[in-house]
Structure formats: C-alpha cells, structure tokens
Amino acid sequence: MVAKFDLIPPYIYGPVNPCSSPAGSYSISFIPANSTVTWSCSWNLTPQGGNTGNSKNFTYTNGGSSWVSAVISLQGGGSVQLPQYDIVAGFPTPIVHYNSLACNQKMSIYPPSTPGVSSYRWEVTGCSSGDYALFGPYGMTNSVTFYNCNPSAYEKRYVVAFAINACGESSAPVHVFEYSNGRGYGASINPNPVDDVLNITIKTEEDYRRANPLPRYLEEILANNTGSKPSRTNLTYKVNLINSQGIVVRQTTTKSTDLQFNVSNLSNGIYILSIDDGVSEKPSTQRVVVNH
C-alpha cells in the first residue's frame, strides 16, 4: 500500500554540490511519526553506518553526477518512495553528445542543466572564432555549432568542454574532429619543375602537430583521454604519377614517407602526383612539372 499525505509531503534536502568526502548529511522533512527510512544512492556514494535513519551521511569514491533517495515505511503499513535528490559530488563531469561530425551539427553537454553547475566553458583549437558559435540558456553555453567546415587544406579541431561549479571546473574528454577537402595531409615535393629525380615527402600526423602546436593544457588532457581521436598511424600509401592523358607512368606502394620517382625519360609536361593513404576520402593530388 502506498501512503498518501494530506499535508506537505516529505522531501529530501542537503548539500547539492559537496566538494569533499564525506558528502554531507541528507535529511527528510515532515517525516511521519514512528516511520522507518531506508536510503539508497548512486553507485559512487556509500551511506555511513548502514542505510537506515532519518538523516544520513554519504561518502563518495568518484565525483560527478550522483543522487540519493529514500523510502519511508509507515508504522501502520504502507510506504512512500521519495524522488531522487540529484547532487554533483566534487567536480562536475560534463558529457558531450553529437550526432555526426558534419558541418552545422551541434555538440551539446548532457544533461543541459546539472545540479550545482554555474556555467560551462568551451575550448576550441584549430579554427578561428568565426568558425563556431556557442549557444545556451541564460549564458550557460551548453552547446557549440561549427561552420566553415570545408577548408582548402587539411585541419583538425580539438574541442573540450569544461563544467564549473563551487568546487572548480573539470573537463569532458577531448574530441578531435578532422575537416578537409577529403585528401589528407598532402606532401612536399622538390624540385618542381623537375628534370631527373622527384623527391617526395608525405606529410604525417606528426608533421601536422609540429606545424600546429597545441596549448600545453590540451596536450596534457590528450595524454590522458583522447576522446574521438581518429587513427592516422602506420598507414600504407599508394603513390601514382599520372600524365595528362590519365595514364599512370610511375607508381609504388609503401609505408615510407620518403620516396623518389625517376622522371628523366618522361616527356616534358604537366603531371599529377596522387597519394592515397587508405584513410582519407580521396587521394591528395599535386601538380608536377617535368622540364628537361
């Protein structure tokens, strides 16, 4: 039998954002006389001294979103299940959700309103401020939308969300998004125009990182949690040199990023160097001029 209350129903109260363990004391208002209270809680909380009592202290082993709840058993029979009382133990832990990496898609923090969180902060590295916009009610900025996602050259965008409460701020995992013309990192070639030997150096993930260094705080976060970082290591490259009639005149398959093509017996003209890394949507292409 479920009890009904004619006056103000009981409810749980206590600290919403405890910054240290134990999390504090949680109590129930308007408890009927001679009732028994049995407490329950989220996985990262532990009740001290058993799970019964009109008030209860909890310790936490992991911070983040948490909850406590209770069932009141009445002396004459019947009970009432109190709603969960949501809290954030220690630093908040934002969770970033998105449906796809396509342009104009929104990334959002879930849930959009977390108990005790006063604001959110986004760090976006790899694009200018005009390439994204922040949204959210009452200045909470709990979502970000990207624009200008079709650059002429390969680029990465590193996105991390921070949630801020009375204990400080903590971050969600870093999300690494790749935007490009679908052709990977490309290569450096020399000489061009070329007479006899064409030197080719395929650009790699490490080359990109050296040319586009990240802030130290982001390097530290990436070292611990890379989120959706795509894999571009240990690639096999298919390299072709194609003449103006579309005929492949030089080709190789290699894992090395340094190679050469001897073009001394090719006719003067314009050729296309094509590099397929097996990961990008399309091969990267560059114009090569043979001139003896």
Protein backbone atom coordinates (compact mmCIF):
# COMPACT_ATOMS: atom_id res chain seq x y z
CA MET A 1 0.00 0.00 0.00
CA VAL A 2 1.33 3.41 -0.96
CA ALA A 3 0.83 6.10 1.65
CA LYS A 4 -0.91 9.38 0.86
CA PHE A 5 -0.16 12.67 2.61
CA ASP A 6 -2.84 15.30 3.09
CA LEU A 7 -0.36 17.99 4.14
CA ILE A 8 3.10 18.82 2.78
CA PRO A 9 4.73 15.59 1.53
CA PRO A 10 8.19 14.63 2.80
CA TYR A 11 11.19 15.59 0.70
CA ILE A 12 14.97 15.19 0.84
CA TYR A 13 17.28 18.13 1.44
CA GLY A 14 21.02 18.55 1.85
CA PRO A 15 24.10 19.89 0.03
CA VAL A 16 23.73 19.98 -3.75
CA ASN A 17 27.43 20.29 -4.50
CA PRO A 18 29.68 18.80 -1.79
CA CYS A 19 33.33 19.40 -2.62
CA SER A 20 34.89 16.78 -0.38
CA SER A 21 34.06 13.38 1.06
CA PRO A 22 32.02 12.77 3.18
CA ALA A 23 29.45 14.49 1.01
CA GLY A 24 27.46 15.78 3.97
CA SER A 25 24.26 14.99 5.80
CA TYR A 26 20.97 14.44 3.96
CA SER A 27 17.69 14.59 5.80
CA ILE A 28 13.97 14.29 5.15
CA SER A 29 11.44 16.93 6.09
CA PHE A 30 7.98 16.18 7.50
CA ILE A 31 8.63 12.53 8.36
CA PRO A 32 5.52 10.95 9.88
CA ALA A 33 5.96 9.76 13.46
CA ASN A 34 7.21 6.23 14.04
CA SER A 35 8.29 5.80 10.43
CA THR A 36 11.39 3.98 9.17
CA VAL A 37 13.57 5.49 6.47
CA THR A 38 15.64 3.34 4.12
CA TRP A 39 18.16 5.17 1.93
CA SER A 40 19.55 4.37 -1.50
CA CYS A 41 22.10 6.17 -3.63
CA SER A 42 24.06 6.23 -6.90
CA TRP A 43 26.95 3.81 -7.44
CA ASN A 44 29.63 6.32 -6.45
CA LEU A 45 28.15 7.08 -3.00
CA THR A 46 28.20 4.95 0.15
CA PRO A 47 25.92 5.53 3.18
CA GLN A 48 27.75 5.69 6.51
CA GLY A 49 26.50 3.46 9.34
CA GLY A 50 24.05 1.42 7.29
CA ASN A 51 21.20 2.56 5.07
CA THR A 52 18.50 3.43 7.62
CA GLY A 53 17.88 6.54 9.70
CA ASN A 54 16.05 9.86 9.43
CA SER A 55 19.25 11.53 8.21
CA LYS A 56 22.28 10.02 6.54
CA ASN A 57 25.88 10.90 5.73
CA PHE A 58 27.36 9.66 2.47
CA THR A 59 30.94 9.28 1.30
CA TYR A 60 31.87 9.32 -2.37
CA THR A 61 34.64 7.42 -4.14
CA ASN A 62 34.19 9.07 -7.53
CA GLY A 63 32.98 12.57 -8.23
CA GLY A 64 30.42 13.66 -10.78
CA SER A 65 26.66 13.37 -11.10
CA SER A 66 25.15 11.50 -8.15
CA TRP A 67 21.86 11.06 -6.34
CA VAL A 68 20.30 9.96 -3.06
CA SER A 69 16.79 8.66 -2.48
CA ALA A 70 14.75 7.10 0.31
CA VAL A 71 11.68 5.01 1.06
CA ILE A 72 9.58 5.88 4.12
CA SER A 73 7.85 2.86 5.71
CA LEU A 74 4.92 3.88 7.90
CA GLN A 75 4.11 2.29 11.24
CA GLY A 76 0.55 1.40 10.24
CA GLY A 77 1.57 -0.03 6.89
CA GLY A 78 2.26 1.49 3.53
CA SER A 79 5.26 3.33 2.20
CA VAL A 80 6.26 6.27 0.08
CA GLN A 81 9.15 6.40 -2.40
CA LEU A 82 10.77 9.82 -2.42
CA PRO A 83 12.09 11.22 -5.71
CA GLN A 84 15.82 11.15 -6.37
CA TYR A 85 17.70 14.13 -4.98
CA ASP A 86 20.31 14.96 -7.60
CA ILE A 87 23.71 16.21 -6.50
CA VAL A 88 27.17 16.69 -8.01
CA ALA A 89 29.88 15.22 -5.80
CA GLY A 90 33.07 17.23 -6.23
CA PHE A 91 33.90 18.47 -9.70
CA PRO A 92 31.20 18.12 -12.34
CA THR A 93 31.77 15.75 -15.25
CA PRO A 94 30.23 17.08 -18.46
CA ILE A 95 29.28 14.57 -21.16
CA VAL A 96 29.41 15.83 -24.74
CA HIS A 97 26.92 14.44 -27.25
CA TYR A 98 26.78 14.87 -31.02
CA ASN A 99 25.07 13.07 -33.90
CA SER A 100 27.73 13.48 -36.58
CA LEU A 101 30.82 15.45 -37.49
CA ALA A 102 29.09 17.16 -40.42
CA CYS A 103 29.13 20.91 -40.75
CA ASN A 104 26.39 22.81 -38.91
CA GLN A 105 25.92 19.93 -36.47
CA LYS A 106 25.58 20.84 -32.82
CA MET A 107 27.62 19.43 -29.95
CA SER A 108 25.80 19.61 -26.62
CA ILE A 109 26.56 18.93 -22.98
CA TYR A 110 24.20 16.37 -21.45
CA PRO A 111 22.28 16.85 -19.31
CA PRO A 112 21.86 20.52 -20.29
CA SER A 113 21.30 21.53 -16.66
CA THR A 114 23.38 19.77 -14.00
CA PRO A 115 22.76 20.47 -10.29
CA GLY A 116 25.31 22.84 -8.84
CA VAL A 117 26.88 23.75 -12.20
CA SER A 118 27.13 27.53 -12.53
CA SER A 119 28.43 27.67 -16.11
CA TYR A 120 30.13 25.82 -18.95
CA ARG A 121 33.22 26.77 -20.89
CA TRP A 122 34.41 25.55 -24.29
CA GLU A 123 37.93 25.49 -25.65
CA VAL A 124 38.16 25.12 -29.42
CA THR A 125 41.61 24.86 -31.01
CA GLY A 126 42.27 24.69 -34.74
CA CYS A 127 39.82 27.24 -36.10
CA SER A 128 39.02 30.91 -35.74
CA SER A 129 36.23 32.26 -33.54
CA GLY A 130 34.10 32.93 -36.61
CA ASP A 131 34.02 29.22 -37.45
CA TYR A 132 31.86 28.25 -34.48
CA ALA A 133 29.17 29.69 -32.23
CA LEU A 134 28.16 28.94 -28.64
CA PHE A 135 24.55 28.59 -27.54
CA GLY A 136 22.67 28.00 -24.33
CA PRO A 137 20.01 29.43 -22.00
CA TYR A 138 20.89 32.15 -19.51
CA GLY A 139 24.51 32.28 -20.55
CA MET A 140 25.16 28.59 -19.82
CA THR A 141 26.56 27.96 -23.34
CA ASN A 142 25.90 24.23 -23.19
CA SER A 143 26.25 23.65 -26.95
CA VAL A 144 28.54 24.59 -29.82
CA THR A 145 27.89 24.55 -33.57
CA PHE A 146 30.64 24.58 -36.21
CA TYR A 147 30.63 26.43 -39.52
CA ASN A 148 33.12 26.74 -42.40
CA CYS A 149 33.87 23.03 -42.31
CA ASN A 150 35.25 22.73 -45.83
CA PRO A 151 38.69 24.35 -45.72
CA SER A 152 41.02 24.19 -48.70
CA ALA A 153 43.65 22.39 -46.63
CA TYR A 154 43.58 19.65 -44.03
CA GLU A 155 42.89 20.79 -40.48
CA LYS A 156 41.92 19.42 -37.09
CA ARG A 157 39.70 20.93 -34.45
CA TYR A 158 40.20 19.99 -30.82
CA VAL A 159 37.12 20.53 -28.68
CA VAL A 160 36.89 20.22 -24.91
CA ALA A 161 34.02 21.26 -22.65
CA PHE A 162 34.51 22.40 -19.05
CA ALA A 163 31.79 22.42 -16.39
CA ILE A 164 32.21 24.85 -13.50
CA ASN A 165 30.71 24.61 -10.02
CA ALA A 166 31.57 25.70 -6.49
CA CYS A 167 34.38 23.11 -6.34
CA GLY A 168 36.11 24.34 -9.51
CA GLU A 169 35.99 23.02 -13.06
CA SER A 170 36.58 19.73 -14.79
CA SER A 171 36.66 18.74 -18.43
CA ALA A 172 34.99 16.26 -20.69
CA PRO A 173 37.19 14.09 -22.92
CA VAL A 174 38.79 15.91 -25.84
CA HIS A 175 37.02 15.39 -29.15
CA VAL A 176 39.21 15.57 -32.25
CA PHE A 177 37.44 16.42 -35.49
CA GLU A 178 39.05 16.33 -38.91
CA TYR A 179 37.94 18.72 -41.62
CA SER A 180 39.49 18.81 -45.05
CA ASN A 181 38.82 18.53 -48.73
CA GLY A 182 38.95 14.80 -48.01
CA ARG A 183 42.53 14.47 -49.22
CA GLY A 184 44.63 14.01 -46.09
CA TYR A 185 47.84 15.84 -45.25
CA GLY A 186 49.42 16.03 -48.72
CA ALA A 187 53.14 16.01 -49.44
CA SER A 188 56.10 18.24 -50.11
CA ILE A 189 57.86 17.71 -53.45
CA ASN A 190 61.09 19.04 -54.89
CA PRO A 191 62.38 20.13 -57.24
CA ASN A 192 59.35 21.33 -59.16
CA PRO A 193 59.83 21.76 -62.10
CA VAL A 194 61.91 18.57 -62.12
CA ASP A 195 64.48 17.28 -64.62
CA ASP A 196 65.51 13.82 -63.41
CA VAL A 197 64.64 12.79 -59.82
CA LEU A 198 61.49 13.93 -57.99
CA ASN A 199 61.82 13.82 -54.18
CA ILE A 200 58.56 13.20 -52.33
CA THR A 201 57.98 13.57 -48.58
CA ILE A 202 54.50 12.56 -47.43
CA LYS A 203 53.18 14.71 -44.58
CA THR A 204 52.10 12.82 -41.47
CA GLU A 205 50.17 13.31 -38.24
CA GLU A 206 53.43 14.27 -36.51
CA ASP A 207 54.22 16.85 -39.19
CA TYR A 208 50.79 18.40 -38.72
CA ARG A 209 51.19 18.54 -34.94
CA ARG A 210 54.62 20.17 -35.22
CA ALA A 211 53.26 22.79 -37.62
CA ASN A 212 50.14 23.34 -35.48
CA PRO A 213 51.27 23.08 -31.84
CA LEU A 214 48.60 22.75 -29.20
CA PRO A 215 48.32 24.65 -25.90
CA ARG A 216 50.02 22.81 -23.04
CA TYR A 217 46.76 22.20 -21.15
CA LEU A 218 45.31 20.49 -24.22
CA GLU A 219 48.38 18.32 -24.68
CA GLU A 220 48.01 17.21 -21.06
CA ILE A 221 44.33 16.35 -21.49
CA LEU A 222 45.03 14.48 -24.73
CA ALA A 223 47.73 12.45 -23.00
CA ASN A 224 45.10 11.11 -20.58
CA ASN A 225 41.99 10.89 -22.73
CA THR A 226 41.82 11.29 -26.50
CA GLY A 227 38.05 11.06 -26.84
CA SER A 228 37.14 10.55 -30.50
CA LYS A 229 40.66 10.90 -31.85
CA PRO A 230 40.87 9.18 -35.27
CA SER A 231 43.75 6.86 -36.13
CA ARG A 232 46.22 8.01 -38.78
CA THR A 233 49.26 5.93 -37.90
CA ASN A 234 51.02 3.04 -39.65
CA LEU A 235 49.46 3.94 -42.99
CA THR A 236 50.19 2.34 -46.36
CA TYR A 237 50.50 4.85 -49.22
CA LYS A 238 49.70 4.22 -52.87
CA VAL A 239 51.62 6.83 -54.87
CA ASN A 240 50.99 7.40 -58.60
CA LEU A 241 52.36 9.86 -61.12
CA ILE A 242 49.78 10.43 -63.85
CA ASN A 243 50.26 12.14 -67.21
CA SER A 244 47.86 14.49 -68.97
CA GLN A 245 46.13 11.54 -70.70
CA GLY A 246 45.34 9.94 -67.35
CA ILE A 247 47.95 7.20 -67.72
CA VAL A 248 49.93 6.13 -64.65
CA VAL A 249 53.61 6.48 -65.59
CA ARG A 250 55.14 5.90 -62.15
CA GLN A 251 53.68 4.05 -59.18
CA THR A 252 54.60 2.47 -55.85
CA THR A 253 53.01 1.21 -52.63
CA THR A 254 54.96 1.98 -49.48
CA LYS A 255 54.81 2.63 -45.75
CA SER A 256 57.75 5.01 -46.01
CA THR A 257 57.03 8.73 -46.11
CA ASP A 258 60.16 9.47 -48.16
CA LEU A 259 60.46 8.26 -51.74
CA GLN A 260 61.70 9.22 -55.20
CA PHE A 261 60.49 8.92 -58.78
CA ASN A 262 62.99 9.00 -61.63
CA VAL A 263 61.37 11.08 -64.37
CA SER A 264 64.43 11.54 -66.60
CA ASN A 265 62.87 9.64 -69.51
CA LEU A 266 59.42 11.23 -69.27
CA SER A 267 58.24 13.81 -71.76
CA ASN A 268 58.07 17.43 -70.77
CA GLY A 269 54.67 18.40 -69.48
CA ILE A 270 52.33 18.62 -66.52
CA TYR A 271 51.74 15.52 -64.38
CA ILE A 272 49.59 14.81 -61.33
CA LEU A 273 51.10 13.23 -58.22
CA SER A 274 48.38 11.22 -56.43
CA ILE A 275 48.81 9.88 -52.86
CA ASP A 276 46.17 7.56 -51.39
CA ASP A 277 46.69 6.93 -47.66
CA GLY A 278 43.80 4.45 -47.35
CA VAL A 279 42.06 6.61 -44.75
CA SER A 280 41.10 9.86 -46.48
CA GLU A 281 38.03 10.06 -48.70
CA LYS A 282 40.14 10.92 -51.76
CA PRO A 283 43.82 10.81 -52.71
CA SER A 284 45.77 14.01 -52.22
CA THR A 285 46.87 15.48 -55.57
CA GLN A 286 49.58 17.92 -56.59
CA ARG A 287 50.80 19.24 -59.91
CA VAL A 288 54.31 18.28 -61.05
CA VAL A 289 56.05 19.93 -63.99
CA VAL A 290 58.63 17.83 -65.88
CA ASN A 291 61.03 20.07 -67.79
CA HIS A 292 64.33 18.77 -69.25
